[in-house]
């Protein structure tokens, strides 16, 4: 894939956020996954985000954030690919995921084991039981939140297998968003459920992968866990035979087979396995297994009778360590569940009372809730534990700035860049503070340093553009806004400023182009609609000139 293409902003060898070296790129559906070497964790990870073309869609972005939240709330389990954290990097959200090193011959996906003949009967049963165990864990986690868990995209490519033959479920992009109870409100009163939520999937929407979709999915009816049991039945059939149970000549034919046709028996299989598959694939959900716990029990009994062995049971490896609690808290913070994030950081501190990282991040959550004095207290304690912690000075400076103590904020930013001269964000924030003190030239110098350190820093280009604009240096402002637009072409804020700067610089042709672009972008962003009349008036003025 080429850098800047429809699919990928980065190419192999690039660094994401100065930390993640891109080793490989995989795109599919709406998402894109960068396989990276993480210089922080000192190991390979997978970074998942949306493809560039989908960022302009509020519904796609909301769907991705729901996937991110789902993954975070599933926490850690041996049979689920672990999400280390959710973060925003280089103007976009990412889910940082466990990297799965697959078998040298069969790869890291179950479909490789199927296609290349890697499955005998005991292995198929073992993998099936592990899959059910992961689904039981997911269901239990959602029950804690008083939500049903419906995965809706069970298929071989969403089932990973490690080199040690551990099955791990991945890709939660189609998990059903319940419109009922939810884990908590966001501070602004917003709700992740509800009829106005673009991520919510309503009855009548067909979602899934055709070869594995239940009759109720094809018919656009409401679904529950039994739809996933149907899809599992299709996958289990494929594991045992190498082919899916229904093969239509086109999508319409495939739909009819799933809705009406009975599944054919596999003649060389023991009767009990044919019965299990047949029950999974019943057309009426009420005739299938009730849930994956029941199905796992049946499969485990069959596995034991065939092999004389048990599949390894549950262990305690799913208990989160202090650093994992901090990462969960960071993820919840980035999803704007600040109160829950604070609880996670508090849990980490109970395990490890001298954990400066937990104090720093709890301070950030308090800041987000407007509890600035409490945030500063946490930052102060973190500095006592770790005096050379540049990020804490940076965060405390942000809280002082919010309290309008600009001079103290600048002192903290000074300390942050002294401790870490490559801290682009600290230069950026110091520039913002200096602009507030009307020290425009000093602000421009700090913005420039931030850009030198982080060439893809769109906010720094925009900030420096604003400083040039306020100094009536419109040509330089235009150049910076255009640089910001190249990095983030769908930013309505930058486009508005660019149009205004072009108009002030009497470049009417460019101003008209950017006013039109802004109006198009604003139509997809409700937060920008109040600026549309200004853009429309300026556009009419210029076109009538």
Protein backbone atom coordinates (compact mmCIF):
# COMPACT_ATOMS: atom_id res chain seq x y z
CA UNK A 1 0.00 0.00 0.00
CA UNK A 2 1.25 3.43 -0.81
CA UNK A 3 1.60 6.11 1.82
CA UNK A 4 -1.32 8.51 1.65
CA UNK A 5 -3.49 6.01 -0.24
CA UNK A 6 -7.16 5.40 0.48
CA UNK A 7 -6.15 2.65 2.88
CA UNK A 8 -3.01 3.72 4.66
CA UNK A 9 -1.47 6.91 5.94
CA UNK A 10 1.78 5.08 6.75
CA UNK A 11 3.98 2.60 4.87
CA UNK A 12 6.38 -0.08 6.06
CA UNK A 13 9.32 1.43 7.90
CA UNK A 14 7.42 4.56 9.04
CA UNK A 15 7.05 5.50 12.70
CA UNK A 16 3.60 6.10 14.18
CA UNK A 17 3.68 8.68 16.97
CA UNK A 18 7.46 8.38 17.11
CA UNK A 19 7.18 5.01 18.84
CA UNK A 20 5.68 2.30 16.61
CA UNK A 21 7.72 1.12 13.61
CA UNK A 22 5.42 -0.25 10.91
CA UNK A 23 6.43 -3.80 9.92
CA UNK A 24 3.33 -4.84 7.99
CA UNK A 25 -0.11 -3.50 7.05
CA UNK A 26 -3.40 -5.40 6.81
CA UNK A 27 -6.64 -3.79 5.63
CA UNK A 28 -10.10 -5.32 5.59
CA UNK A 29 -13.65 -4.03 5.87
CA UNK A 30 -13.57 -0.58 7.46
CA UNK A 31 -10.44 -1.13 9.50
CA UNK A 32 -6.71 -1.20 9.02
CA UNK A 33 -4.16 -2.93 11.25
CA UNK A 34 -0.52 -1.91 11.47
CA UNK A 35 1.80 -4.64 12.74
CA UNK A 36 4.46 -2.65 14.58
CA UNK A 37 7.53 -2.93 16.75
CA UNK A 38 6.72 -0.97 19.89
CA UNK A 39 9.87 0.67 21.26
CA UNK A 40 8.02 1.28 24.57
CA UNK A 41 6.92 -2.32 25.21
CA UNK A 42 9.97 -3.66 23.32
CA UNK A 43 7.85 -6.13 21.37
CA UNK A 44 5.50 -6.43 18.41
CA UNK A 45 1.96 -5.11 18.75
CA UNK A 46 -0.98 -4.58 16.40
CA UNK A 47 -2.43 -1.07 16.06
CA UNK A 48 -5.99 -1.02 14.75
CA UNK A 49 -7.73 2.10 13.43
CA UNK A 50 -10.19 3.10 10.71
CA UNK A 51 -9.14 3.44 7.09
CA UNK A 52 -8.70 7.10 6.16
CA UNK A 53 -11.80 7.29 3.98
CA UNK A 54 -14.09 6.31 6.87
CA UNK A 55 -12.99 9.06 9.28
CA UNK A 56 -15.38 11.50 7.59
CA UNK A 57 -18.33 9.32 8.64
CA UNK A 58 -19.61 9.99 12.18
CA UNK A 59 -21.42 6.63 12.20
CA UNK A 60 -18.26 4.70 11.23
CA UNK A 61 -16.21 6.58 13.82
CA UNK A 62 -18.84 5.90 16.48
CA UNK A 63 -18.90 2.22 15.52
CA UNK A 64 -15.10 2.04 15.84
CA UNK A 65 -15.20 3.69 19.28
CA UNK A 66 -17.82 1.16 20.38
CA UNK A 67 -15.49 -1.63 19.23
CA UNK A 68 -12.69 0.00 21.25
CA UNK A 69 -14.89 0.19 24.34
CA UNK A 70 -15.98 -3.43 23.90
CA UNK A 71 -12.38 -4.60 23.72
CA UNK A 72 -11.37 -2.60 26.81
CA UNK A 73 -14.27 -3.90 28.87
CA UNK A 74 -13.45 -7.52 27.97
CA UNK A 75 -10.18 -6.97 29.86
CA UNK A 76 -7.84 -9.98 29.72
CA UNK A 77 -8.59 -13.62 28.94
CA UNK A 78 -6.44 -16.41 27.42
CA UNK A 79 -8.95 -16.93 24.58
CA UNK A 80 -9.43 -13.28 23.57
CA UNK A 81 -6.85 -11.09 21.84
CA UNK A 82 -5.96 -8.56 24.52
CA UNK A 83 -6.39 -4.83 24.00
CA UNK A 84 -3.53 -3.17 25.89
CA UNK A 85 -5.06 0.29 25.63
CA UNK A 86 -7.02 2.73 23.50
CA UNK A 87 -5.25 5.96 22.63
CA UNK A 88 -5.40 8.86 20.24
CA UNK A 89 -2.24 9.32 18.17
CA UNK A 90 -1.55 11.62 15.23
CA UNK A 91 -5.14 12.90 15.11
CA UNK A 92 -6.84 9.49 15.10
CA UNK A 93 -7.97 6.79 17.57
CA UNK A 94 -6.06 3.51 17.84
CA UNK A 95 -6.58 0.24 19.67
CA UNK A 96 -3.21 -1.23 20.69
CA UNK A 97 -3.57 -5.01 20.57
CA UNK A 98 -1.67 -8.14 21.47
CA UNK A 99 0.27 -9.41 18.45
CA UNK A 100 -0.40 -13.07 17.65
CA UNK A 101 2.55 -15.09 16.37
CA UNK A 102 0.95 -17.96 14.47
CA UNK A 103 2.13 -21.37 13.39
CA UNK A 104 4.90 -21.27 10.76
CA UNK A 105 2.91 -23.50 8.38
CA UNK A 106 -0.71 -22.55 9.07
CA UNK A 107 -0.39 -18.87 9.98
CA UNK A 108 -2.15 -16.96 12.77
CA UNK A 109 -5.79 -17.43 11.67
CA UNK A 110 -8.01 -20.49 11.95
CA UNK A 111 -8.72 -20.25 8.21
CA UNK A 112 -5.08 -21.20 7.54
CA UNK A 113 -5.46 -24.35 9.64
CA UNK A 114 -8.62 -25.23 7.69
CA UNK A 115 -7.26 -24.54 4.20
CA UNK A 116 -3.93 -26.26 4.76
CA UNK A 117 -5.27 -29.39 6.44
CA UNK A 118 -3.96 -28.74 9.93
CA UNK A 119 -7.03 -29.98 11.83
CA UNK A 120 -7.74 -33.53 12.95
CA UNK A 121 -10.81 -34.37 15.03
CA UNK A 122 -9.23 -33.88 18.50
CA UNK A 123 -7.64 -30.58 17.46
CA UNK A 124 -10.92 -29.32 16.00
CA UNK A 125 -12.73 -30.14 19.24
CA UNK A 126 -9.97 -28.56 21.32
CA UNK A 127 -10.08 -25.32 19.30
CA UNK A 128 -13.89 -25.28 19.43
CA UNK A 129 -13.90 -25.61 23.24
CA UNK A 130 -11.35 -22.80 23.57
CA UNK A 131 -13.48 -20.59 21.32
CA UNK A 132 -16.56 -21.29 23.46
CA UNK A 133 -14.56 -20.45 26.59
CA UNK A 134 -13.65 -17.05 25.17
CA UNK A 135 -17.28 -16.39 24.26
CA UNK A 136 -18.43 -17.38 27.76
CA UNK A 137 -15.97 -14.87 29.23
CA UNK A 138 -17.25 -12.13 26.90
CA UNK A 139 -20.86 -12.94 27.79
CA UNK A 140 -20.06 -12.87 31.52
CA UNK A 141 -18.33 -9.49 31.23
CA UNK A 142 -21.33 -8.02 29.43
CA UNK A 143 -23.73 -9.50 32.00
CA UNK A 144 -21.81 -7.55 34.66
CA UNK A 145 -22.81 -4.44 32.69
CA UNK A 146 -26.40 -5.71 32.29
CA UNK A 147 -25.94 -6.04 28.52
CA UNK A 148 -26.27 -9.04 26.21
CA UNK A 149 -23.14 -9.97 24.25
CA UNK A 150 -23.80 -10.69 20.56
CA UNK A 151 -20.63 -10.93 18.44
CA UNK A 152 -22.35 -11.19 15.01
CA UNK A 153 -19.25 -12.02 12.94
CA UNK A 154 -18.03 -15.48 13.95
CA UNK A 155 -15.84 -16.76 11.10
CA UNK A 156 -12.42 -18.44 10.71
CA UNK A 157 -10.58 -15.20 9.92
CA UNK A 158 -11.75 -13.73 13.26
CA UNK A 159 -10.39 -16.67 15.24
CA UNK A 160 -6.65 -16.48 15.85
CA UNK A 161 -4.42 -19.43 16.82
CA UNK A 162 -1.04 -18.88 18.45
CA UNK A 163 2.06 -20.94 17.79
CA UNK A 164 1.21 -22.76 21.06
CA UNK A 165 -2.28 -23.67 19.72
CA UNK A 166 -4.10 -21.19 21.95
CA UNK A 167 -7.31 -19.91 20.31
CA UNK A 168 -7.99 -16.19 20.61
CA UNK A 169 -11.09 -14.34 19.40
CA UNK A 170 -10.41 -11.04 17.63
CA UNK A 171 -12.20 -8.20 15.80
CA UNK A 172 -15.18 -6.90 17.78
CA UNK A 173 -16.27 -4.43 15.11
CA UNK A 174 -19.78 -5.87 14.68
CA UNK A 175 -20.61 -6.52 18.34
CA UNK A 176 -24.23 -5.61 18.91
CA UNK A 177 -24.74 -2.31 20.68
CA UNK A 178 -27.52 -2.78 23.18
CA UNK A 179 -29.93 0.12 23.55
CA UNK A 180 -30.66 -0.85 27.14
CA UNK A 181 -28.58 -0.49 30.28
CA UNK A 182 -25.00 0.66 29.97
CA UNK A 183 -21.97 0.90 32.24
CA UNK A 184 -22.17 4.65 32.83
CA UNK A 185 -22.90 8.08 31.49
CA UNK A 186 -20.25 10.29 30.03
CA UNK A 187 -19.70 13.59 31.86
CA UNK A 188 -21.60 15.61 29.27
CA UNK A 189 -24.66 13.42 29.75
CA UNK A 190 -24.08 11.66 26.44
CA UNK A 191 -25.07 8.04 26.17
CA UNK A 192 -23.44 5.38 24.06
CA UNK A 193 -26.89 3.87 23.46
CA UNK A 194 -30.06 5.46 22.18
CA UNK A 195 -31.88 6.05 18.95
CA UNK A 196 -29.76 9.05 18.01
CA UNK A 197 -26.51 7.11 18.29
CA UNK A 198 -25.08 6.40 14.82
CA UNK A 199 -23.22 3.35 16.15
CA UNK A 200 -26.43 1.66 17.24
CA UNK A 201 -27.71 -1.05 14.90
CA UNK A 202 -31.47 -1.24 14.66
CA UNK A 203 -33.68 -4.20 13.78
CA UNK A 204 -33.84 -4.59 10.00
CA UNK A 205 -30.11 -4.05 9.46
CA UNK A 206 -28.30 -7.05 7.96
CA UNK A 207 -24.80 -7.45 9.41
CA UNK A 208 -22.34 -10.35 9.25
CA UNK A 209 -20.43 -12.52 6.76
CA UNK A 210 -22.74 -14.41 4.35
CA UNK A 211 -21.33 -17.95 4.73
CA UNK A 212 -21.82 -17.80 8.52
CA UNK A 213 -24.96 -15.70 9.01
CA UNK A 214 -27.96 -17.07 10.89
CA UNK A 215 -31.46 -16.99 9.36
CA UNK A 216 -32.46 -14.18 11.71
CA UNK A 217 -29.47 -12.11 10.55
CA UNK A 218 -30.43 -12.64 6.90
CA UNK A 219 -33.98 -11.57 7.71
CA UNK A 220 -32.83 -8.44 9.57
CA UNK A 221 -34.43 -9.60 12.80
CA UNK A 222 -33.22 -9.01 16.33
CA UNK A 223 -30.37 -11.31 17.35
CA UNK A 224 -28.97 -12.76 20.54
CA UNK A 225 -26.20 -15.20 21.50
CA UNK A 226 -27.91 -17.99 19.59
CA UNK A 227 -27.09 -16.25 16.29
CA UNK A 228 -23.41 -16.61 17.22
CA UNK A 229 -24.01 -20.30 18.04
CA UNK A 230 -25.40 -20.75 14.51
CA UNK A 231 -22.31 -19.08 13.03
CA UNK A 232 -20.08 -21.25 15.22
CA UNK A 233 -21.91 -24.30 13.86
CA UNK A 234 -20.95 -23.20 10.33
CA UNK A 235 -17.32 -22.73 11.40
CA UNK A 236 -17.21 -26.07 13.24
CA UNK A 237 -18.63 -27.80 10.15
CA UNK A 238 -15.90 -26.16 8.08
CA UNK A 239 -13.21 -27.21 10.57
CA UNK A 240 -14.31 -30.83 10.24
CA UNK A 241 -14.89 -30.92 6.47
CA UNK A 242 -12.82 -28.11 4.94
CA UNK A 243 -15.91 -26.46 3.45
CA UNK A 244 -18.87 -24.39 4.69
CA UNK A 245 -22.26 -26.13 5.14
CA UNK A 246 -24.02 -23.96 2.54
CA UNK A 247 -22.56 -22.89 -0.82
CA UNK A 248 -24.88 -20.82 -3.02
CA UNK A 249 -24.28 -19.66 -6.58
CA UNK A 250 -24.85 -16.07 -5.46
CA UNK A 251 -25.77 -14.12 -2.31
CA UNK A 252 -29.51 -14.55 -2.85
CA UNK A 253 -29.14 -18.31 -3.22
CA UNK A 254 -26.93 -18.45 -0.13
CA UNK A 255 -29.56 -16.49 1.80
CA UNK A 256 -32.26 -18.99 0.85
CA UNK A 257 -30.11 -21.95 1.86
CA UNK A 258 -29.42 -20.48 5.30
CA UNK A 259 -33.10 -19.66 5.82
CA UNK A 260 -34.63 -22.90 4.47
CA UNK A 261 -32.19 -25.75 3.73
CA UNK A 262 -31.34 -28.40 6.35
CA UNK A 263 -27.67 -29.13 6.92
CA UNK A 264 -26.44 -32.39 5.38
CA UNK A 265 -24.93 -35.01 7.65
CA UNK A 266 -21.18 -35.63 7.42
CA UNK A 267 -21.10 -39.40 6.79
CA UNK A 268 -17.68 -40.14 8.25
CA UNK A 269 -18.28 -38.23 11.51
CA UNK A 270 -19.50 -39.83 14.75
CA UNK A 271 -23.24 -39.39 15.23
CA UNK A 272 -22.80 -37.18 18.30
CA UNK A 273 -20.86 -34.56 16.29
CA UNK A 274 -23.47 -34.50 13.54
CA UNK A 275 -26.09 -33.96 16.23
CA UNK A 276 -24.11 -31.06 17.74
CA UNK A 277 -23.75 -29.37 14.35
CA UNK A 278 -27.40 -29.95 13.49
CA UNK A 279 -28.53 -28.37 16.76
CA UNK A 280 -26.24 -25.35 16.28
CA UNK A 281 -27.72 -24.87 12.78
CA UNK A 282 -31.41 -25.11 13.65
CA UNK A 283 -33.38 -22.48 11.75
CA UNK A 284 -35.38 -21.54 14.84
CA UNK A 285 -33.09 -19.98 17.48
CA UNK A 286 -35.18 -21.57 20.22
CA UNK A 287 -34.06 -25.02 19.07
CA UNK A 288 -30.32 -24.26 19.30
CA UNK A 289 -28.09 -24.42 22.36
CA UNK A 290 -29.09 -21.73 24.85
CA UNK A 291 -25.60 -20.24 25.18
CA UNK A 292 -21.91 -21.02 24.76
CA UNK A 293 -21.60 -22.33 28.33
CA UNK A 294 -24.05 -25.13 27.49
CA UNK A 295 -22.33 -25.82 24.17
CA UNK A 296 -18.90 -25.88 25.80
CA UNK A 297 -20.11 -28.48 28.30
CA UNK A 298 -21.34 -30.74 25.51
CA UNK A 299 -18.13 -30.37 23.47
CA UNK A 300 -15.94 -30.97 26.54
CA UNK A 301 -17.78 -34.21 27.30
CA UNK A 302 -17.31 -35.40 23.70
CA UNK A 303 -13.62 -34.40 23.72
CA UNK A 304 -13.02 -36.33 26.94
CA UNK A 305 -14.78 -39.44 25.62
CA UNK A 306 -12.73 -39.35 22.38
CA UNK A 307 -9.31 -38.52 23.88
CA UNK A 308 -9.51 -39.42 27.57
CA UNK A 309 -8.28 -35.89 28.32
CA UNK A 310 -9.70 -32.53 29.40
CA UNK A 311 -9.06 -29.20 27.69
CA UNK A 312 -7.13 -27.00 30.13
CA UNK A 313 -9.57 -25.24 32.46
CA UNK A 314 -9.75 -21.63 33.61
CA UNK A 315 -6.69 -20.11 35.28
CA UNK A 316 -6.03 -16.84 37.08
CA UNK A 317 -4.08 -15.24 34.26
CA UNK A 318 -7.05 -12.96 33.58
CA UNK A 319 -6.50 -10.98 36.82
CA UNK A 320 -5.24 -7.54 35.84
CA UNK A 321 -1.85 -6.43 37.13
CA UNK A 322 -1.23 -2.84 38.25
CA UNK A 323 0.17 -1.75 34.87
CA UNK A 324 -2.77 -3.38 33.09
CA UNK A 325 -5.20 -1.53 35.36
CA UNK A 326 -3.45 1.71 34.43
CA UNK A 327 -3.75 0.86 30.73
CA UNK A 328 -7.45 0.06 31.18
CA UNK A 329 -7.85 3.39 32.97
CA UNK A 330 -6.08 5.23 30.15
CA UNK A 331 -8.41 3.54 27.66
CA UNK A 332 -11.53 4.48 29.63
CA UNK A 333 -10.17 8.02 29.90
CA UNK A 334 -9.78 8.20 26.12
CA UNK A 335 -13.35 6.89 25.80
CA UNK A 336 -14.45 9.68 28.21
CA UNK A 337 -15.48 7.41 31.07
CA UNK A 338 -13.54 9.50 33.56
CA UNK A 339 -15.08 8.25 36.82
CA UNK A 340 -14.44 4.64 35.84
CA UNK A 341 -10.90 5.54 34.84
CA UNK A 342 -10.30 7.06 38.29
CA UNK A 343 -11.44 3.79 39.89
CA UNK A 344 -8.97 1.83 37.73
CA UNK A 345 -6.07 4.10 38.71
CA UNK A 346 -7.11 3.81 42.36
CA UNK A 347 -7.10 0.00 42.08
CA UNK A 348 -3.58 0.13 40.59
CA UNK A 349 -2.43 2.35 43.47
CA UNK A 350 -3.81 -0.09 46.04
CA UNK A 351 -1.61 -2.78 44.45
CA UNK A 352 1.36 -0.45 44.05
CA UNK A 353 1.10 2.72 46.23
CA UNK A 354 4.25 4.33 44.78
CA UNK A 355 3.02 4.08 41.17
CA UNK A 356 3.72 7.55 39.76
CA UNK A 357 2.18 6.64 36.40
CA UNK A 358 -1.14 5.84 38.08
CA UNK A 359 -1.09 9.16 39.95
CA UNK A 360 -0.31 11.09 36.78
CA UNK A 361 -3.16 9.49 34.86
CA UNK A 362 -5.62 9.83 37.72
CA UNK A 363 -4.71 13.50 37.74
CA UNK A 364 -5.62 13.68 34.05
CA UNK A 365 -9.03 12.15 34.77
CA UNK A 366 -9.68 14.59 37.61
CA UNK A 367 -8.67 17.41 35.24
CA UNK A 368 -11.16 16.17 32.63
CA UNK A 369 -13.90 16.29 35.28
CA UNK A 370 -12.96 19.87 36.16
CA UNK A 371 -11.54 18.88 39.56
CA UNK A 372 -8.35 20.80 38.91
CA UNK A 373 -7.14 21.15 42.51
CA UNK A 374 -7.47 17.39 42.98
CA UNK A 375 -5.57 16.85 39.73
CA UNK A 376 -2.74 19.12 40.88
CA UNK A 377 -2.54 17.20 44.17
CA UNK A 378 -2.03 13.94 42.26
CA UNK A 379 0.61 15.54 40.02
CA UNK A 380 2.42 16.89 43.08
CA UNK A 381 2.52 13.41 44.65
CA UNK A 382 3.76 11.90 41.37
CA UNK A 383 6.60 14.45 41.20
CA UNK A 384 7.64 13.57 44.77
CA UNK A 385 7.90 9.92 43.73
CA UNK A 386 9.58 10.65 40.40
CA UNK A 387 11.15 14.15 40.23
CA UNK A 388 12.39 13.70 36.64
CA UNK A 389 8.92 12.82 35.26
CA UNK A 390 8.54 15.31 32.40
CA UNK A 391 5.01 14.22 31.53
CA UNK A 392 3.74 15.10 35.03
CA UNK A 393 5.10 18.65 34.77
CA UNK A 394 3.40 18.90 31.38
CA UNK A 395 0.08 17.72 32.81
CA UNK A 396 0.31 19.98 35.84
CA UNK A 397 1.05 22.90 33.53
CA UNK A 398 -2.17 22.09 31.67
CA UNK A 399 -4.15 22.22 34.93
CA UNK A 400 -2.55 25.50 35.97
CA UNK A 401 -3.36 26.94 32.55
CA UNK A 402 -6.99 25.88 32.98
CA UNK A 403 -6.98 27.73 36.33
CA UNK A 404 -5.70 30.80 34.43
CA UNK A 405 -2.38 30.62 36.27
CA UNK A 406 -0.52 31.06 33.00
CA UNK A 407 2.87 31.95 34.46
CA UNK A 408 2.93 28.86 36.67
CA UNK A 409 1.85 26.78 33.66
CA UNK A 410 4.80 28.10 31.66
CA UNK A 411 7.17 27.22 34.55
CA UNK A 412 5.92 23.63 34.42
CA UNK A 413 6.25 23.49 30.62
CA UNK A 414 9.78 24.88 31.01
CA UNK A 415 10.61 22.01 33.36
CA UNK A 416 9.02 19.47 31.00
CA UNK A 417 11.19 20.53 28.06
CA UNK A 418 14.25 20.78 30.29
CA UNK A 419 13.77 17.16 31.35
CA UNK A 420 12.79 16.06 27.84
CA UNK A 421 14.08 18.43 25.12
CA UNK A 422 12.23 16.36 22.49
CA UNK A 423 8.81 16.84 24.08
CA UNK A 424 6.87 18.32 21.14
CA UNK A 425 3.56 18.55 23.03
CA UNK A 426 5.18 20.57 25.82
CA UNK A 427 6.53 23.09 23.30
CA UNK A 428 3.06 23.27 21.75
CA UNK A 429 1.34 23.94 25.08
CA UNK A 430 3.97 26.48 26.08
CA UNK A 431 3.31 28.23 22.78
CA UNK A 432 -0.42 28.38 23.58
CA UNK A 433 0.36 29.86 27.01
CA UNK A 434 2.75 32.43 25.57
CA UNK A 435 0.15 33.51 23.03
CA UNK A 436 -2.20 34.18 25.92
CA UNK A 437 0.49 36.49 27.36
CA UNK A 438 0.72 38.13 23.89
CA UNK A 439 4.30 36.92 23.46
CA UNK A 440 3.61 36.09 19.79
CA UNK A 441 7.20 35.75 18.59
CA UNK A 442 8.08 33.40 21.46
CA UNK A 443 4.94 31.39 20.75
CA UNK A 444 5.87 31.08 17.06
CA UNK A 445 9.32 29.84 18.08
CA UNK A 446 7.77 27.14 20.30
CA UNK A 447 5.31 26.06 17.61
CA UNK A 448 8.24 25.83 15.20
CA UNK A 449 10.20 23.65 17.61
CA UNK A 450 7.19 21.35 18.06
CA UNK A 451 6.91 20.96 14.29
CA UNK A 452 10.63 20.25 13.95
CA UNK A 453 10.33 17.50 16.54
CA UNK A 454 7.07 16.11 15.15
CA UNK A 455 6.62 16.94 11.44
CA UNK A 456 3.14 15.40 11.33
CA UNK A 457 1.86 17.62 14.15
CA UNK A 458 -1.25 19.16 12.56
CA UNK A 459 -2.27 21.04 15.72
CA UNK A 460 1.12 22.77 15.85
CA UNK A 461 0.79 23.93 12.24
CA UNK A 462 -2.69 25.17 13.01
CA UNK A 463 -1.51 26.94 16.18
CA UNK A 464 1.38 28.62 14.41
CA UNK A 465 -0.99 29.56 11.61
CA UNK A 466 -3.25 31.22 14.19
CA UNK A 467 -0.27 33.13 15.60
CA UNK A 468 0.74 34.32 12.13
CA UNK A 469 -2.88 35.29 11.42
CA UNK A 470 -3.12 37.37 14.61
CA UNK A 471 0.09 39.15 13.54
CA UNK A 472 -1.48 39.83 10.10
CA UNK A 473 1.16 37.61 8.47
CA UNK A 474 -1.46 36.02 6.25
CA UNK A 475 0.83 34.40 3.68
CA UNK A 476 2.67 32.48 6.41
CA UNK A 477 -0.64 31.62 8.08
CA UNK A 478 -1.96 30.20 4.80
CA UNK A 479 1.16 28.06 4.36
CA UNK A 480 0.74 26.60 7.86
CA UNK A 481 -2.98 25.94 7.46
CA UNK A 482 -2.31 24.20 4.14
CA UNK A 483 0.33 22.04 5.83
CA UNK A 484 -2.19 21.14 8.53
CA UNK A 485 -4.77 20.27 5.84
CA UNK A 486 -2.32 17.91 4.12
CA UNK A 487 -1.90 16.04 7.40
CA UNK A 488 -5.57 16.15 8.38
CA UNK A 489 -7.57 16.87 5.20
CA UNK A 490 -10.95 16.46 6.91
CA UNK A 491 -10.49 19.05 9.66
CA UNK A 492 -13.29 21.64 9.40
CA UNK A 493 -11.54 23.90 11.93
CA UNK A 494 -8.38 24.18 9.84
CA UNK A 495 -10.39 24.58 6.63
CA UNK A 496 -12.39 27.47 8.15
CA UNK A 497 -9.22 29.26 9.26
CA UNK A 498 -7.60 28.67 5.88
CA UNK A 499 -10.57 30.14 4.02
CA UNK A 500 -10.55 33.17 6.30
CA UNK A 501 -6.81 33.71 5.86
CA UNK A 502 -7.09 33.45 2.05
CA UNK A 503 -9.90 35.99 2.11
CA UNK A 504 -7.85 38.39 4.26
CA UNK A 505 -4.93 37.91 1.88
CA UNK A 506 -7.25 38.81 -1.05
CA UNK A 507 -6.78 35.42 -2.67
CA UNK A 508 -10.47 35.16 -3.46
CA UNK A 509 -10.26 32.11 -5.71
CA UNK A 510 -8.65 29.99 -3.00
CA UNK A 511 -10.96 31.45 -0.37
CA UNK A 512 -14.02 30.35 -2.40
CA UNK A 513 -12.57 26.84 -2.76
CA UNK A 514 -11.96 26.48 0.95
CA UNK A 515 -15.30 28.00 2.02
CA UNK A 516 -17.04 25.40 -0.15
CA UNK A 517 -14.89 22.62 1.29
CA UNK A 518 -15.60 23.81 4.83
CA UNK A 519 -19.36 23.78 4.24
CA UNK A 520 -19.10 20.20 2.92
CA UNK A 521 -17.10 19.10 5.97
CA UNK A 522 -19.38 20.94 8.40
CA UNK A 523 -22.42 19.10 7.07
CA UNK A 524 -20.90 15.90 8.49
CA UNK A 525 -19.99 17.48 11.84
CA UNK A 526 -22.87 18.86 13.95
CA UNK A 527 -20.39 20.82 16.10
CA UNK A 528 -19.49 22.98 13.10
CA UNK A 529 -22.98 23.82 11.89
CA UNK A 530 -23.16 27.15 13.73
CA UNK A 531 -20.22 28.40 11.62
CA UNK A 532 -21.89 27.51 8.34
CA UNK A 533 -23.82 30.84 8.09
CA UNK A 534 -20.52 32.74 8.39
CA UNK A 535 -19.00 30.60 5.64
CA UNK A 536 -22.10 30.98 3.45
CA UNK A 537 -22.15 34.77 3.84
CA UNK A 538 -18.45 35.04 2.96
CA UNK A 539 -18.91 32.73 0.00
CA UNK A 540 -21.83 34.77 -1.34
CA UNK A 541 -19.84 37.97 -0.84
CA UNK A 542 -16.85 36.64 -2.77
CA UNK A 543 -18.87 35.05 -5.57
CA UNK A 544 -20.86 38.26 -5.99
CA UNK A 545 -17.76 40.43 -6.15
